[in-house]
C-alpha atoms as a PDB file:
ATOM      1  CA  UNK A   1      10.532 -34.636  -2.886  1.00  0.00           C
ATOM      2  CA  UNK A   2       7.897 -31.898  -2.999  1.00  0.00           C
ATOM      3  CA  UNK A   3       5.468 -31.986  -0.095  1.00  0.00           C
ATOM      4  CA  UNK A   4       3.209 -29.137  -1.185  1.00  0.00           C
ATOM      5  CA  UNK A   5       2.090 -27.168  -4.211  1.00  0.00           C
ATOM      6  CA  UNK A   6       3.296 -23.605  -4.656  1.00  0.00           C
ATOM      7  CA  UNK A   7       1.504 -20.987  -6.708  1.00  0.00           C
ATOM      8  CA  UNK A   8       3.738 -19.479  -9.413  1.00  0.00           C
ATOM      9  CA  UNK A   9       3.984 -15.706  -8.902  1.00  0.00           C
ATOM     10  CA  UNK A  10       4.457 -13.411 -11.879  1.00  0.00           C
ATOM     11  CA  UNK A  11       6.540 -10.264 -11.669  1.00  0.00           C
ATOM     12  CA  UNK A  12       4.291  -7.300 -12.489  1.00  0.00           C
ATOM     13  CA  UNK A  13       5.185  -4.969 -15.336  1.00  0.00           C
ATOM     14  CA  UNK A  14       4.429  -1.856 -13.260  1.00  0.00           C
ATOM     15  CA  UNK A  15       6.230  -2.403  -9.935  1.00  0.00           C
ATOM     16  CA  UNK A  16       5.520  -0.511  -6.730  1.00  0.00           C
ATOM     17  CA  UNK A  17       8.173   1.964  -5.638  1.00  0.00           C
ATOM     18  CA  UNK A  18       8.343   4.572  -2.900  1.00  0.00           C
ATOM     19  CA  UNK A  19       7.056   7.084  -5.457  1.00  0.00           C
ATOM     20  CA  UNK A  20       3.841   5.066  -5.853  1.00  0.00           C
ATOM     21  CA  UNK A  21       0.415   6.107  -4.575  1.00  0.00           C
ATOM     22  CA  UNK A  22      -1.498   2.991  -3.584  1.00  0.00           C
ATOM     23  CA  UNK A  23      -5.219   2.415  -3.003  1.00  0.00           C
ATOM     24  CA  UNK A  24      -6.691  -0.737  -1.499  1.00  0.00           C
ATOM     25  CA  UNK A  25     -10.435  -1.240  -1.313  1.00  0.00           C
ATOM     26  CA  UNK A  26     -12.701  -4.158  -0.502  1.00  0.00           C
ATOM     27  CA  UNK A  27     -12.639  -7.100   1.876  1.00  0.00           C
ATOM     28  CA  UNK A  28     -10.553  -7.326   5.058  1.00  0.00           C
ATOM     29  CA  UNK A  29      -7.663  -8.686   2.981  1.00  0.00           C
ATOM     30  CA  UNK A  30      -7.313  -5.083   1.720  1.00  0.00           C
ATOM     31  CA  UNK A  31      -6.883  -3.974   5.332  1.00  0.00           C
ATOM     32  CA  UNK A  32      -4.287  -6.702   5.957  1.00  0.00           C
ATOM     33  CA  UNK A  33      -2.126  -5.758   2.976  1.00  0.00           C
ATOM     34  CA  UNK A  34      -2.743  -2.076   3.705  1.00  0.00           C
ATOM     35  CA  UNK A  35      -1.344  -2.526   7.219  1.00  0.00           C
ATOM     36  CA  UNK A  36       1.802  -4.064   5.773  1.00  0.00           C
ATOM     37  CA  UNK A  37       2.219  -1.252   3.242  1.00  0.00           C
ATOM     38  CA  UNK A  38       1.700   1.349   5.973  1.00  0.00           C
ATOM     39  CA  UNK A  39       4.272  -0.388   8.167  1.00  0.00           C
ATOM     40  CA  UNK A  40       6.806  -0.109   5.353  1.00  0.00           C
ATOM     41  CA  UNK A  41       5.907   3.572   4.923  1.00  0.00           C
ATOM     42  CA  UNK A  42       4.343   3.467   1.465  1.00  0.00           C
ATOM     43  CA  UNK A  43       1.842   6.177   0.516  1.00  0.00           C
ATOM     44  CA  UNK A  44      -1.354   4.181   1.014  1.00  0.00           C
ATOM     45  CA  UNK A  45      -5.109   4.820   1.136  1.00  0.00           C
ATOM     46  CA  UNK A  46      -7.248   1.973   2.495  1.00  0.00           C
ATOM     47  CA  UNK A  47     -11.041   1.469   2.519  1.00  0.00           C
ATOM     48  CA  UNK A  48     -12.492   4.984   2.909  1.00  0.00           C
ATOM     49  CA  UNK A  49     -15.908   3.501   3.774  1.00  0.00           C
ATOM     50  CA  UNK A  50     -14.491   0.681   5.859  1.00  0.00           C
ATOM     51  CA  UNK A  51     -14.384  -2.990   4.885  1.00  0.00           C
ATOM     52  CA  UNK A  52     -16.602  -3.841   1.899  1.00  0.00           C
ATOM     53  CA  UNK A  53     -17.440  -7.384   0.856  1.00  0.00           C
ATOM     54  CA  UNK A  54     -19.558  -7.406  -2.304  1.00  0.00           C
ATOM     55  CA  UNK A  55     -18.574  -5.910  -5.694  1.00  0.00           C
ATOM     56  CA  UNK A  56     -21.647  -3.657  -5.982  1.00  0.00           C
ATOM     57  CA  UNK A  57     -20.765  -1.841  -2.738  1.00  0.00           C
ATOM     58  CA  UNK A  58     -17.165  -1.409  -3.902  1.00  0.00           C
ATOM     59  CA  UNK A  59     -18.439  -0.001  -7.209  1.00  0.00           C
ATOM     60  CA  UNK A  60     -20.757   2.425  -5.362  1.00  0.00           C
ATOM     61  CA  UNK A  61     -17.929   3.665  -3.129  1.00  0.00           C
ATOM     62  CA  UNK A  62     -15.729   4.440  -6.139  1.00  0.00           C
ATOM     63  CA  UNK A  63     -18.655   6.016  -7.994  1.00  0.00           C
ATOM     64  CA  UNK A  64     -19.510   8.275  -5.038  1.00  0.00           C
ATOM     65  CA  UNK A  65     -15.894   9.430  -4.788  1.00  0.00           C
ATOM     66  CA  UNK A  66     -15.553  10.132  -8.510  1.00  0.00           C
ATOM     67  CA  UNK A  67     -18.809  12.114  -8.441  1.00  0.00           C
ATOM     68  CA  UNK A  68     -17.782  13.822  -5.167  1.00  0.00           C
ATOM     69  CA  UNK A  69     -21.123  12.887  -3.694  1.00  0.00           C
ATOM     70  CA  UNK A  70     -22.030  14.583  -0.424  1.00  0.00           C
ATOM     71  CA  UNK A  71     -23.862  12.461   2.137  1.00  0.00           C
ATOM     72  CA  UNK A  72     -26.696  13.971   4.154  1.00  0.00           C
ATOM     73  CA  UNK A  73     -28.813  12.895   7.122  1.00  0.00           C
ATOM     74  CA  UNK A  74     -31.242  11.387   4.597  1.00  0.00           C
ATOM     75  CA  UNK A  75     -28.563   8.791   3.789  1.00  0.00           C
ATOM     76  CA  UNK A  76     -28.593   7.549   7.390  1.00  0.00           C
ATOM     77  CA  UNK A  77     -30.858   5.166   9.291  1.00  0.00           C
ATOM     78  CA  UNK A  78     -31.353   5.078  13.044  1.00  0.00           C
ATOM     79  CA  UNK A  79     -31.151   1.743  14.849  1.00  0.00           C
ATOM     80  CA  UNK A  80     -30.223   0.661  18.358  1.00  0.00           C
ATOM     81  CA  UNK A  81     -29.122   4.122  19.460  1.00  0.00           C
ATOM     82  CA  UNK A  82     -26.847   4.782  16.471  1.00  0.00           C
ATOM     83  CA  UNK A  83     -27.057   6.421  13.061  1.00  0.00           C
ATOM     84  CA  UNK A  84     -25.864   4.074  10.304  1.00  0.00           C
ATOM     85  CA  UNK A  85     -25.042   4.381   6.624  1.00  0.00           C
ATOM     86  CA  UNK A  86     -25.818   1.469   4.335  1.00  0.00           C
ATOM     87  CA  UNK A  87     -22.747   2.452   2.279  1.00  0.00           C
ATOM     88  CA  UNK A  88     -20.345   2.235   5.218  1.00  0.00           C
ATOM     89  CA  UNK A  89     -18.950  -0.264   7.674  1.00  0.00           C
ATOM     90  CA  UNK A  90     -20.336  -0.209  11.227  1.00  0.00           C
ATOM     91  CA  UNK A  91     -17.211   1.553  12.497  1.00  0.00           C
ATOM     92  CA  UNK A  92     -18.675   4.711  10.907  1.00  0.00           C
ATOM     93  CA  UNK A  93     -21.918   4.456  12.912  1.00  0.00           C
ATOM     94  CA  UNK A  94     -22.363   7.301  15.382  1.00  0.00           C
ATOM     95  CA  UNK A  95     -24.765   8.403  18.144  1.00  0.00           C
ATOM     96  CA  UNK A  96     -25.452  11.653  16.230  1.00  0.00           C
ATOM     97  CA  UNK A  97     -26.461  12.011  12.540  1.00  0.00           C
ATOM     98  CA  UNK A  98     -23.106  13.522  11.587  1.00  0.00           C
ATOM     99  CA  UNK A  99     -21.831  12.957   8.037  1.00  0.00           C
ATOM    100  CA  UNK A 100     -18.801  15.264   8.151  1.00  0.00           C
ATOM    101  CA  UNK A 101     -16.249  12.443   8.466  1.00  0.00           C
ATOM    102  CA  UNK A 102     -17.927  10.463   5.682  1.00  0.00           C
ATOM    103  CA  UNK A 103     -17.866  13.494   3.370  1.00  0.00           C
ATOM    104  CA  UNK A 104     -14.230  14.240   4.177  1.00  0.00           C
ATOM    105  CA  UNK A 105     -13.390  10.643   3.253  1.00  0.00           C
ATOM    106  CA  UNK A 106     -15.217  11.056  -0.072  1.00  0.00           C
ATOM    107  CA  UNK A 107     -13.079  14.095  -0.931  1.00  0.00           C
ATOM    108  CA  UNK A 108      -9.849  12.463   0.289  1.00  0.00           C
ATOM    109  CA  UNK A 109     -10.612   9.301  -1.685  1.00  0.00           C
ATOM    110  CA  UNK A 110     -11.337  11.347  -4.812  1.00  0.00           C
ATOM    111  CA  UNK A 111      -7.921  12.988  -4.497  1.00  0.00           C
ATOM    112  CA  UNK A 112      -6.323   9.583  -3.874  1.00  0.00           C
ATOM    113  CA  UNK A 113      -7.969   8.158  -6.996  1.00  0.00           C
ATOM    114  CA  UNK A 114      -6.673  11.043  -9.135  1.00  0.00           C
ATOM    115  CA  UNK A 115      -3.074  10.456  -8.082  1.00  0.00           C
ATOM    116  CA  UNK A 116      -3.111   6.666  -7.669  1.00  0.00           C
ATOM    117  CA  UNK A 117      -0.496   4.617  -9.471  1.00  0.00           C
ATOM    118  CA  UNK A 118      -1.785   1.259  -8.168  1.00  0.00           C
ATOM    119  CA  UNK A 119      -5.323   0.245  -7.184  1.00  0.00           C
ATOM    120  CA  UNK A 120      -6.019  -3.109  -5.540  1.00  0.00           C
ATOM    121  CA  UNK A 121      -9.622  -4.289  -5.366  1.00  0.00           C
ATOM    122  CA  UNK A 122     -10.415  -7.321  -3.201  1.00  0.00           C
ATOM    123  CA  UNK A 123     -13.775  -9.031  -3.603  1.00  0.00           C
ATOM    124  CA  UNK A 124     -14.990 -10.980  -0.574  1.00  0.00           C
ATOM    125  CA  UNK A 125     -18.320 -12.519  -1.514  1.00  0.00           C
ATOM    126  CA  UNK A 126     -20.932 -12.621  -4.251  1.00  0.00           C
ATOM    127  CA  UNK A 127     -23.663 -12.800  -1.602  1.00  0.00           C
ATOM    128  CA  UNK A 128     -25.342  -9.435  -1.089  1.00  0.00           C
ATOM    129  CA  UNK A 129     -28.180  -7.979   0.965  1.00  0.00           C
ATOM    130  CA  UNK A 130     -30.806  -5.813  -0.701  1.00  0.00           C
ATOM    131  CA  UNK A 131     -32.618  -3.286   1.478  1.00  0.00           C
ATOM    132  CA  UNK A 132     -36.262  -3.833   0.570  1.00  0.00           C
ATOM    133  CA  UNK A 133     -37.524  -0.317   1.271  1.00  0.00           C
ATOM    134  CA  UNK A 134     -34.895   1.434  -0.874  1.00  0.00           C
ATOM    135  CA  UNK A 135     -34.313  -1.522  -3.250  1.00  0.00           C
ATOM    136  CA  UNK A 136     -30.544  -1.059  -2.978  1.00  0.00           C
ATOM    137  CA  UNK A 137     -27.709  -3.446  -2.175  1.00  0.00           C
ATOM    138  CA  UNK A 138     -26.070  -2.456   1.100  1.00  0.00           C
ATOM    139  CA  UNK A 139     -22.464  -2.638   2.256  1.00  0.00           C
ATOM    140  CA  UNK A 140     -23.503  -3.555   5.804  1.00  0.00           C
ATOM    141  CA  UNK A 141     -26.786  -4.494   7.486  1.00  0.00           C
ATOM    142  CA  UNK A 142     -25.727  -3.036  10.873  1.00  0.00           C
ATOM    143  CA  UNK A 143     -27.643  -5.782  12.733  1.00  0.00           C
ATOM    144  CA  UNK A 144     -30.950  -4.334  11.573  1.00  0.00           C
ATOM    145  CA  UNK A 145     -33.624  -7.114  11.598  1.00  0.00           C
ATOM    146  CA  UNK A 146     -33.275  -9.519   8.687  1.00  0.00           C
ATOM    147  CA  UNK A 147     -36.848  -8.914   7.511  1.00  0.00           C
ATOM    148  CA  UNK A 148     -35.682  -5.536   6.178  1.00  0.00           C
ATOM    149  CA  UNK A 149     -33.426  -7.242   3.615  1.00  0.00           C
ATOM    150  CA  UNK A 150     -33.410  -9.838   0.891  1.00  0.00           C
ATOM    151  CA  UNK A 151     -30.312 -11.987   0.565  1.00  0.00           C
ATOM    152  CA  UNK A 152     -29.268 -12.710  -3.013  1.00  0.00           C
ATOM    153  CA  UNK A 153     -26.367 -14.254  -4.908  1.00  0.00           C
ATOM    154  CA  UNK A 154     -25.004 -11.878  -7.511  1.00  0.00           C
ATOM    155  CA  UNK A 155     -24.735 -13.538 -10.896  1.00  0.00           C
ATOM    156  CA  UNK A 156     -21.483 -13.612 -12.866  1.00  0.00           C
ATOM    157  CA  UNK A 157     -23.005 -11.122 -15.308  1.00  0.00           C
ATOM    158  CA  UNK A 158     -23.981  -8.731 -12.492  1.00  0.00           C
ATOM    159  CA  UNK A 159     -20.486  -8.893 -10.993  1.00  0.00           C
ATOM    160  CA  UNK A 160     -18.886  -8.306 -14.394  1.00  0.00           C
ATOM    161  CA  UNK A 161     -21.123  -5.277 -14.881  1.00  0.00           C
ATOM    162  CA  UNK A 162     -19.996  -3.824 -11.532  1.00  0.00           C
ATOM    163  CA  UNK A 163     -16.319  -4.438 -12.240  1.00  0.00           C
ATOM    164  CA  UNK A 164     -16.482  -2.892 -15.714  1.00  0.00           C
ATOM    165  CA  UNK A 165     -18.389   0.064 -14.268  1.00  0.00           C
ATOM    166  CA  UNK A 166     -15.858   0.736 -11.514  1.00  0.00           C
ATOM    167  CA  UNK A 167     -12.993   0.495 -14.010  1.00  0.00           C
ATOM    168  CA  UNK A 168     -14.747   3.066 -16.205  1.00  0.00           C
ATOM    169  CA  UNK A 169     -15.292   5.311 -13.186  1.00  0.00           C
ATOM    170  CA  UNK A 170     -11.595   5.175 -12.297  1.00  0.00           C
ATOM    171  CA  UNK A 171     -10.617   6.020 -15.875  1.00  0.00           C
ATOM    172  CA  UNK A 172     -12.680   9.215 -15.786  1.00  0.00           C
ATOM    173  CA  UNK A 173     -10.244  10.659 -13.229  1.00  0.00           C
ATOM    174  CA  UNK A 174      -7.109   8.566 -13.800  1.00  0.00           C
ATOM    175  CA  UNK A 175      -6.241   6.656 -16.957  1.00  0.00           C
ATOM    176  CA  UNK A 176      -2.714   5.724 -15.851  1.00  0.00           C
ATOM    177  CA  UNK A 177      -3.383   3.777 -12.641  1.00  0.00           C
ATOM    178  CA  UNK A 178      -2.797   0.030 -12.825  1.00  0.00           C
ATOM    179  CA  UNK A 179      -5.666  -1.992 -11.357  1.00  0.00           C
ATOM    180  CA  UNK A 180      -5.280  -5.407  -9.749  1.00  0.00           C
ATOM    181  CA  UNK A 181      -8.141  -7.637  -8.624  1.00  0.00           C
ATOM    182  CA  UNK A 182      -7.900 -10.197  -5.857  1.00  0.00           C
ATOM    183  CA  UNK A 183     -10.366 -12.543  -4.188  1.00  0.00           C
ATOM    184  CA  UNK A 184     -10.282 -12.606  -0.406  1.00  0.00           C
ATOM    185  CA  UNK A 185      -8.927 -15.835   1.095  1.00  0.00           C
ATOM    186  CA  UNK A 186     -11.429 -15.457   3.966  1.00  0.00           C
ATOM    187  CA  UNK A 187     -14.123 -18.138   3.787  1.00  0.00           C
ATOM    188  CA  UNK A 188     -17.648 -16.794   4.359  1.00  0.00           C
ATOM    189  CA  UNK A 189     -18.893 -19.950   6.061  1.00  0.00           C
ATOM    190  CA  UNK A 190     -21.839 -18.158   7.659  1.00  0.00           C
ATOM    191  CA  UNK A 191     -23.343 -18.383   4.168  1.00  0.00           C
ATOM    192  CA  UNK A 192     -22.710 -22.140   4.146  1.00  0.00           C
ATOM    193  CA  UNK A 193     -19.825 -24.286   2.900  1.00  0.00           C
ATOM    194  CA  UNK A 194     -21.340 -24.955  -0.517  1.00  0.00           C
ATOM    195  CA  UNK A 195     -22.668 -21.419  -0.797  1.00  0.00           C
ATOM    196  CA  UNK A 196     -19.227 -19.982  -0.041  1.00  0.00           C
ATOM    197  CA  UNK A 197     -17.654 -22.016  -2.836  1.00  0.00           C
ATOM    198  CA  UNK A 198     -20.415 -20.977  -5.217  1.00  0.00           C
ATOM    199  CA  UNK A 199     -19.830 -17.344  -4.260  1.00  0.00           C
ATOM    200  CA  UNK A 200     -16.060 -17.535  -4.803  1.00  0.00           C
ATOM    201  CA  UNK A 201     -16.646 -19.267  -8.152  1.00  0.00           C
ATOM    202  CA  UNK A 202     -18.866 -16.394  -9.307  1.00  0.00           C
ATOM    203  CA  UNK A 203     -16.245 -13.838  -8.250  1.00  0.00           C
ATOM    204  CA  UNK A 204     -13.378 -15.672  -9.915  1.00  0.00           C
ATOM    205  CA  UNK A 205     -15.260 -16.242 -13.162  1.00  0.00           C
ATOM    206  CA  UNK A 206     -16.361 -12.609 -13.368  1.00  0.00           C
ATOM    207  CA  UNK A 207     -12.889 -11.258 -12.583  1.00  0.00           C
ATOM    208  CA  UNK A 208     -11.177 -13.383 -15.230  1.00  0.00           C
ATOM    209  CA  UNK A 209     -13.822 -12.497 -17.812  1.00  0.00           C
ATOM    210  CA  UNK A 210     -13.106  -8.814 -17.131  1.00  0.00           C
ATOM    211  CA  UNK A 211      -9.326  -9.308 -17.096  1.00  0.00           C
ATOM    212  CA  UNK A 212      -9.498 -10.932 -20.522  1.00  0.00           C
ATOM    213  CA  UNK A 213     -11.035  -7.793 -22.035  1.00  0.00           C
ATOM    214  CA  UNK A 214      -9.322  -5.064 -19.969  1.00  0.00           C
ATOM    215  CA  UNK A 215      -5.760  -4.108 -19.138  1.00  0.00           C
ATOM    216  CA  UNK A 216      -5.948  -5.203 -15.495  1.00  0.00           C
ATOM    217  CA  UNK A 217      -4.043  -7.735 -13.393  1.00  0.00           C
ATOM    218  CA  UNK A 218      -4.882 -10.472 -10.895  1.00  0.00           C
ATOM    219  CA  UNK A 219      -3.080 -11.458  -7.700  1.00  0.00           C
ATOM    220  CA  UNK A 220      -3.843 -15.030  -6.516  1.00  0.00           C
ATOM    221  CA  UNK A 221      -4.317 -14.438  -2.769  1.00  0.00           C
ATOM    222  CA  UNK A 222      -7.262 -16.863  -2.666  1.00  0.00           C
ATOM    223  CA  UNK A 223      -5.370 -19.573  -4.534  1.00  0.00           C
ATOM    224  CA  UNK A 224      -2.298 -19.216  -2.301  1.00  0.00           C
ATOM    225  CA  UNK A 225      -4.468 -19.752   0.785  1.00  0.00           C
ATOM    226  CA  UNK A 226      -6.485 -22.624  -0.668  1.00  0.00           C
ATOM    227  CA  UNK A 227      -3.708 -24.577  -2.413  1.00  0.00           C
ATOM    228  CA  UNK A 228      -0.337 -23.506  -1.060  1.00  0.00           C
ATOM    229  CA  UNK A 229      -1.414 -23.066   2.579  1.00  0.00           C
ATOM    230  CA  UNK A 230      -4.010 -25.832   2.703  1.00  0.00           C
ATOM    231  CA  UNK A 231      -3.691 -26.546   6.420  1.00  0.00           C
ATOM    232  CA  UNK A 232      -5.711 -25.328   9.409  1.00  0.00           C
ATOM    233  CA  UNK A 233      -2.527 -24.222  11.170  1.00  0.00           C
ATOM    234  CA  UNK A 234      -2.654 -21.195   8.854  1.00  0.00           C
ATOM    235  CA  UNK A 235      -6.066 -20.118  10.169  1.00  0.00           C
ATOM    236  CA  UNK A 236      -7.157 -18.223  13.252  1.00  0.00           C
ATOM    237  CA  UNK A 237      -9.183 -20.075  15.884  1.00  0.00           C
ATOM    238  CA  UNK A 238     -12.401 -19.309  13.991  1.00  0.00           C
ATOM    239  CA  UNK A 239     -11.081 -21.524  11.142  1.00  0.00           C
ATOM    240  CA  UNK A 240     -12.216 -18.833   8.719  1.00  0.00           C
ATOM    241  CA  UNK A 241      -9.659 -15.996   8.726  1.00  0.00           C
ATOM    242  CA  UNK A 242      -5.985 -16.439   7.771  1.00  0.00           C
ATOM    243  CA  UNK A 243      -3.705 -16.045  10.782  1.00  0.00           C
ATOM    244  CA  UNK A 244      -0.631 -13.830  11.044  1.00  0.00           C
ATOM    245  CA  UNK A 245       1.630 -16.533   9.627  1.00  0.00           C
ATOM    246  CA  UNK A 246      -0.563 -16.905   6.535  1.00  0.00           C
ATOM    247  CA  UNK A 247      -0.877 -13.150   6.047  1.00  0.00           C
ATOM    248  CA  UNK A 248       2.901 -12.751   6.243  1.00  0.00           C
ATOM    249  CA  UNK A 249       3.381 -15.570   3.734  1.00  0.00           C
ATOM    250  CA  UNK A 250       0.914 -14.001   1.274  1.00  0.00           C
ATOM    251  CA  UNK A 251       2.589 -10.634   1.878  1.00  0.00           C
ATOM    252  CA  UNK A 252       5.939 -12.166   0.851  1.00  0.00           C
ATOM    253  CA  UNK A 253       4.337 -13.401  -2.373  1.00  0.00           C
ATOM    254  CA  UNK A 254       2.803  -9.959  -2.902  1.00  0.00           C
ATOM    255  CA  UNK A 255       6.247  -8.389  -2.422  1.00  0.00           C
ATOM    256  CA  UNK A 256       7.796 -10.839  -4.890  1.00  0.00           C
ATOM    257  CA  UNK A 257       5.171  -9.892  -7.464  1.00  0.00           C
ATOM    258  CA  UNK A 258       4.921  -6.131  -7.083  1.00  0.00           C
ATOM    259  CA  UNK A 259       8.173  -4.800  -5.602  1.00  0.00           C
ATOM    260  CA  UNK A 260      11.375  -4.108  -7.490  1.00  0.00           C
ATOM    261  CA  UNK A 261      14.716  -5.212  -6.051  1.00  0.00           C
ATOM    262  CA  UNK A 262      15.626  -1.615  -5.199  1.00  0.00           C
ATOM    263  CA  UNK A 263      12.322  -1.165  -3.371  1.00  0.00           C
ATOM    264  CA  UNK A 264      12.839  -4.370  -1.395  1.00  0.00           C
ATOM    265  CA  UNK A 265      16.258  -3.100  -0.251  1.00  0.00           C
ATOM    266  CA  UNK A 266      14.698   0.113   1.054  1.00  0.00           C
ATOM    267  CA  UNK A 267      11.924  -1.900   2.739  1.00  0.00           C
ATOM    268  CA  UNK A 268      14.585  -3.844   4.620  1.00  0.00           C
ATOM    269  CA  UNK A 269      16.008  -0.599   6.001  1.00  0.00           C
ATOM    270  CA  UNK A 270      12.532   0.631   6.951  1.00  0.00           C
ATOM    271  CA  UNK A 271      11.840  -2.640   8.736  1.00  0.00           C
ATOM    272  CA  UNK A 272      15.020  -2.344  10.801  1.00  0.00           C
ATOM    273  CA  UNK A 273      14.216   1.244  11.714  1.00  0.00           C
ATOM    274  CA  UNK A 274      10.683   0.265  12.709  1.00  0.00           C
ATOM    275  CA  UNK A 275      12.071  -2.445  14.988  1.00  0.00           C
ATOM    276  CA  UNK A 276      14.600  -0.048  16.511  1.00  0.00           C
ATOM    277  CA  UNK A 277      11.964   2.615  17.149  1.00  0.00           C
ATOM    278  CA  UNK A 278       9.598   0.054  18.687  1.00  0.00           C
ATOM    279  CA  UNK A 279      12.258  -1.307  21.060  1.00  0.00           C
ATOM    280  CA  UNK A 280      11.248  -1.070  24.723  1.00  0.00           C
ATOM    281  CA  UNK A 281      14.195  -1.581  27.116  1.00  0.00           C
ATOM    282  CA  UNK A 282      14.040  -3.117  30.571  1.00  0.00           C
ATOM    283  CA  UNK A 283      16.310  -0.331  31.887  1.00  0.00           C
ATOM    284  CA  UNK A 284      15.653   2.891  29.930  1.00  0.00           C
ATOM    285  CA  UNK A 285      18.293   4.886  31.787  1.00  0.00           C
ATOM    286  CA  UNK A 286      21.111   2.422  31.230  1.00  0.00           C
ATOM    287  CA  UNK A 287      24.229   3.504  29.362  1.00  0.00           C
ATOM    288  CA  UNK A 288      23.785   0.823  26.733  1.00  0.00           C
ATOM    289  CA  UNK A 289      20.245   2.008  25.967  1.00  0.00           C
ATOM    290  CA  UNK A 290      21.353   5.627  25.692  1.00  0.00           C
ATOM    291  CA  UNK A 291      23.967   4.537  23.139  1.00  0.00           C
ATOM    292  CA  UNK A 292      21.272   2.589  21.305  1.00  0.00           C
ATOM    293  CA  UNK A 293      19.015   5.673  21.191  1.00  0.00           C
ATOM    294  CA  UNK A 294      21.851   7.802  19.861  1.00  0.00           C
ATOM    295  CA  UNK A 295      22.704   5.253  17.168  1.00  0.00           C
ATOM    296  CA  UNK A 296      19.035   4.933  16.176  1.00  0.00           C
ATOM    297  CA  UNK A 297      18.672   8.718  15.947  1.00  0.00           C
ATOM    298  CA  UNK A 298      21.695   8.953  13.638  1.00  0.00           C
ATOM    299  CA  UNK A 299      20.446   6.033  11.566  1.00  0.00           C
ATOM    300  CA  UNK A 300      17.016   7.677  11.195  1.00  0.00           C
ATOM    301  CA  UNK A 301      18.554  11.038  10.257  1.00  0.00           C
ATOM    302  CA  UNK A 302      20.737   9.416   7.606  1.00  0.00           C
ATOM    303  CA  UNK A 303      17.755   7.487   6.211  1.00  0.00           C
ATOM    304  CA  UNK A 304      15.624  10.641   5.938  1.00  0.00           C
ATOM    305  CA  UNK A 305      18.438  12.460   4.132  1.00  0.00           C
ATOM    306  CA  UNK A 306      18.738   9.636   1.590  1.00  0.00           C
ATOM    307  CA  UNK A 307      14.973   9.060   1.287  1.00  0.00           C
ATOM    308  CA  UNK A 308      13.228  12.409   1.915  1.00  0.00           C
ATOM    309  CA  UNK A 309       9.868  11.215   0.501  1.00  0.00           C
ATOM    310  CA  UNK A 310       9.507   8.451   3.108  1.00  0.00           C
ATOM    311  CA  UNK A 311       7.900   9.893   6.232  1.00  0.00           C
ATOM    312  CA  UNK A 312       8.636   8.458   9.676  1.00  0.00           C
END
């Protein structure tokens, strides 16, 4: 007897290996999968401008990197003692109007795009905020008073236009990278229950319209959360974000889809080494712990000799 539905996962034609260069950009789901990839020591670049939710802001970030755009003080706004960029997450806000870190990230992201083998783009919401003075859609409002913005729901056509544009931008610097779209499983309930569903519907429709006319893939993170894990025990206390159990489950599905068997075997060794290196003994000076340290050191040395490209 089956007690739940399970989303069928397709094996991708271009699997991830330890020779891959991976980019993840978009909603916080990109950060979650990026953390897992970093843990397993893949070459990964995640969200150079911080978490981005709407497709227009993701498009603008890629466009700025491809064009090697340099930010200046004129790109910043001052509010509540900090200088903010409407193209960046609040973690990039600073007490001084310094854009050096932002510009370094633009250059680093440009280099990452040129060498990327896999690009994962996660859309979070079709709701966007337009800054009235500049008439531009922003990545983050930075708690600036709401009267400075107009909230709008991006149409399917507008989202399609952004997705096609960002794909074209990527191709100008890298025609070989495989691109995969996902929709974030995080529910944006601050927009409203009905409004969140409407938003996700716009994203899903636009993505599949683009997939049908471009050589890109789709990973069903949203569907796994909504249909396979349809229980509040898979959410954090806010009942909005997937919890660690859900993230690990989706990660397993991601691994099944994108990793080859040889890669999975290496990942298992990396995982064991990570656990060994993270071990904190009750008695550090004990003989048994000293033997453990010696064994771990030899294990790590042997691993590095067999896998010189994987950096610990």
